[in-house]
Amino acid sequence: MDVELAKPFIKAAVDVLSTMAMITPVAGRPYVKKNNIAQGDVTGLVGFTGEKNGSVSITFDKKLAVGIVKNMLGDDVGNILDDVKDAVGEIVNMVSGQARAGLSQQGYSFQGSTPTVIMGDNHTISHVSSGMIMAIPFKAEMGEFTIEFCIE
């Protein structure tokens, strides 16, 4: 898999999370993921369609997901589970949109689906395509998250 494909996802994650949640994530080294078990507690997933199919997911650990919600909503946190689910769905949607714009500069054209959010310990992620899954780990002040993407 072409590592150049990871660059729009890294840029989008840094831009969206620094703007929306006031956190500054630092990307680790991308790697090929060998299983479908999530690397955290809350995952947002968006499918792609176009000349090729694919998907992107972002999985946050609990502490970071709650921290993002508190940074985004301030003291307006109502039901933390609902708010985390909404925030993760919104973040993956924005990252997906910005990454798709970056991928279009590399000659790819994708439309995104409505985000799905999965919560729970040791949940699995089912990517749309059967291709290789590229994972990018990130560290932030409040915790860690992983972006995974798969394009056939």
Protein backbone atom coordinates (compact mmCIF):
# COMPACT_ATOMS: atom_id res chain seq x y z
CA MET A 1 0.00 0.00 0.00
CA ASP A 2 1.20 3.48 -0.88
CA VAL A 3 2.20 5.40 2.27
CA GLU A 4 1.36 8.65 0.41
CA LEU A 5 -2.29 7.69 0.95
CA ALA A 6 -1.77 8.12 4.72
CA LYS A 7 -0.77 11.79 4.46
CA PRO A 8 -4.29 13.23 3.87
CA PHE A 9 -5.62 11.22 6.85
CA ILE A 10 -2.83 12.44 9.15
CA LYS A 11 -3.29 16.07 8.09
CA ALA A 12 -7.08 15.85 8.44
CA ALA A 13 -6.87 14.33 11.95
CA VAL A 14 -4.44 16.99 13.16
CA ASP A 15 -6.47 19.84 11.60
CA VAL A 16 -9.88 18.65 12.81
CA LEU A 17 -8.86 17.73 16.37
CA SER A 18 -6.79 20.86 16.93
CA THR A 19 -9.62 23.06 15.64
CA MET A 20 -12.66 21.27 17.11
CA ALA A 21 -11.27 19.81 20.36
CA MET A 22 -8.21 21.96 21.11
CA ILE A 23 -5.86 18.96 21.21
CA THR A 24 -2.65 18.51 19.26
CA PRO A 25 -2.25 14.89 18.16
CA VAL A 26 1.12 13.56 17.03
CA ALA A 27 1.13 10.78 14.43
CA GLY A 28 3.18 7.65 14.90
CA ARG A 29 4.50 5.38 12.19
CA PRO A 30 1.82 3.90 9.85
CA TYR A 31 1.67 0.10 9.74
CA VAL A 32 -0.35 -2.66 8.09
CA LYS A 33 -2.97 -3.96 10.53
CA LYS A 34 -3.41 -7.73 10.64
CA ASN A 35 -6.73 -8.10 12.51
CA ASN A 36 -10.08 -6.35 12.95
CA ILE A 37 -9.94 -5.71 16.73
CA ALA A 38 -10.17 -2.02 17.60
CA GLN A 39 -7.20 -0.38 19.33
CA GLY A 40 -9.47 1.57 21.71
CA ASP A 41 -12.96 1.93 23.16
CA VAL A 42 -14.99 4.11 20.74
CA THR A 43 -14.79 3.90 16.94
CA GLY A 44 -16.30 6.08 14.24
CA LEU A 45 -16.43 4.47 10.77
CA VAL A 46 -17.18 5.98 7.34
CA GLY A 47 -17.39 4.00 4.10
CA PHE A 48 -16.20 5.36 0.74
CA THR A 49 -17.59 4.74 -2.70
CA GLY A 50 -16.29 5.92 -6.05
CA GLU A 51 -13.93 4.48 -8.63
CA LYS A 52 -12.64 2.35 -5.73
CA ASN A 53 -14.31 1.40 -2.44
CA GLY A 54 -12.91 1.75 1.03
CA SER A 55 -13.43 3.04 4.54
CA VAL A 56 -11.81 5.00 7.32
CA SER A 57 -12.19 4.55 11.06
CA ILE A 58 -10.94 6.45 14.07
CA THR A 59 -10.78 4.63 17.40
CA PHE A 60 -10.30 6.64 20.60
CA ASP A 61 -9.48 5.38 24.06
CA LYS A 62 -12.16 6.27 26.66
CA LYS A 63 -10.17 8.98 28.42
CA LEU A 64 -9.42 10.84 25.19
CA ALA A 65 -12.99 10.51 23.87
CA VAL A 66 -14.39 12.04 27.07
CA GLY A 67 -11.70 14.76 27.01
CA ILE A 68 -12.61 15.66 23.42
CA VAL A 69 -16.30 15.94 24.35
CA LYS A 70 -15.50 18.18 27.32
CA ASN A 71 -13.26 20.39 25.15
CA MET A 72 -15.93 20.63 22.45
CA LEU A 73 -18.95 21.18 24.72
CA GLY A 74 -17.44 22.81 27.81
CA ASP A 75 -19.80 22.43 30.74
CA ASP A 76 -22.74 21.56 28.47
CA VAL A 77 -22.12 17.79 28.70
CA GLY A 78 -25.50 16.13 29.15
CA ASN A 79 -25.47 12.37 28.68
CA ILE A 80 -21.76 11.53 28.30
CA LEU A 81 -22.39 8.34 26.29
CA ASP A 82 -24.64 10.11 23.79
CA ASP A 83 -22.29 13.09 23.62
CA VAL A 84 -19.24 10.85 23.01
CA LYS A 85 -21.11 8.94 20.30
CA ASP A 86 -22.17 12.20 18.59
CA ALA A 87 -18.70 13.78 18.88
CA VAL A 88 -16.86 10.72 17.53
CA GLY A 89 -19.32 10.47 14.62
CA GLU A 90 -18.85 14.16 13.84
CA ILE A 91 -15.04 13.96 14.06
CA VAL A 92 -14.76 10.90 11.80
CA ASN A 93 -17.12 12.61 9.34
CA MET A 94 -14.98 15.77 9.24
CA VAL A 95 -11.67 13.85 9.05
CA SER A 96 -13.13 11.66 6.29
CA GLY A 97 -14.30 14.69 4.31
CA GLN A 98 -10.98 16.51 4.58
CA ALA A 99 -8.98 13.35 3.81
CA ARG A 100 -11.16 12.68 0.73
CA ALA A 101 -10.39 16.22 -0.45
CA GLY A 102 -6.68 15.47 -0.02
CA LEU A 103 -7.03 12.14 -1.82
CA SER A 104 -8.73 13.93 -4.73
CA GLN A 105 -5.44 15.82 -5.25
CA GLN A 106 -3.80 12.39 -5.68
CA GLY A 107 -6.37 11.51 -8.37
CA TYR A 108 -8.94 9.63 -6.27
CA SER A 109 -12.61 10.53 -6.13
CA PHE A 110 -14.74 9.25 -3.25
CA GLN A 111 -18.11 9.92 -1.70
CA GLY A 112 -18.54 9.18 2.01
CA SER A 113 -21.34 7.38 3.81
CA THR A 114 -23.05 8.39 7.04
CA PRO A 115 -20.77 7.64 10.01
CA THR A 116 -21.36 4.62 12.24
CA VAL A 117 -20.16 4.66 15.86
CA ILE A 118 -19.23 1.46 17.74
CA MET A 119 -18.50 1.44 21.47
CA GLY A 120 -17.20 -1.19 23.88
CA ASP A 121 -14.14 -3.12 24.98
CA ASN A 122 -12.49 -5.30 22.31
CA HIS A 123 -15.03 -4.42 19.62
CA THR A 124 -14.22 -5.20 16.00
CA ILE A 125 -14.10 -2.96 12.95
CA SER A 126 -15.45 -4.23 9.64
CA HIS A 127 -13.89 -2.25 6.80
CA VAL A 128 -15.85 -1.98 3.55
CA SER A 129 -13.13 -3.38 1.34
CA SER A 130 -11.14 -6.58 1.60
CA GLY A 131 -7.87 -4.79 0.85
CA MET A 132 -4.96 -4.15 3.20
CA ILE A 133 -5.74 -2.06 6.31
CA MET A 134 -3.30 0.76 7.02
CA ALA A 135 -3.27 1.95 10.65
CA ILE A 136 -1.81 5.20 11.97
CA PRO A 137 -1.39 5.52 15.76
CA PHE A 138 -1.62 8.97 17.36
CA LYS A 139 -0.77 10.30 20.80
CA ALA A 140 -2.38 13.36 22.37
CA GLU A 141 -2.20 15.00 25.78
CA MET A 142 -5.26 13.11 27.06
CA GLY A 143 -4.77 9.72 25.43
CA GLU A 144 -4.34 7.84 22.19
CA PHE A 145 -6.29 7.10 19.03
CA THR A 146 -5.78 5.14 15.84
CA ILE A 147 -6.92 5.91 12.31
CA GLU A 148 -7.38 2.92 10.04
CA PHE A 149 -8.15 3.10 6.35
CA CYS A 150 -8.61 0.57 3.64
CA ILE A 151 -8.91 1.31 -0.09
CA GLU A 152 -9.23 -1.46 -2.67
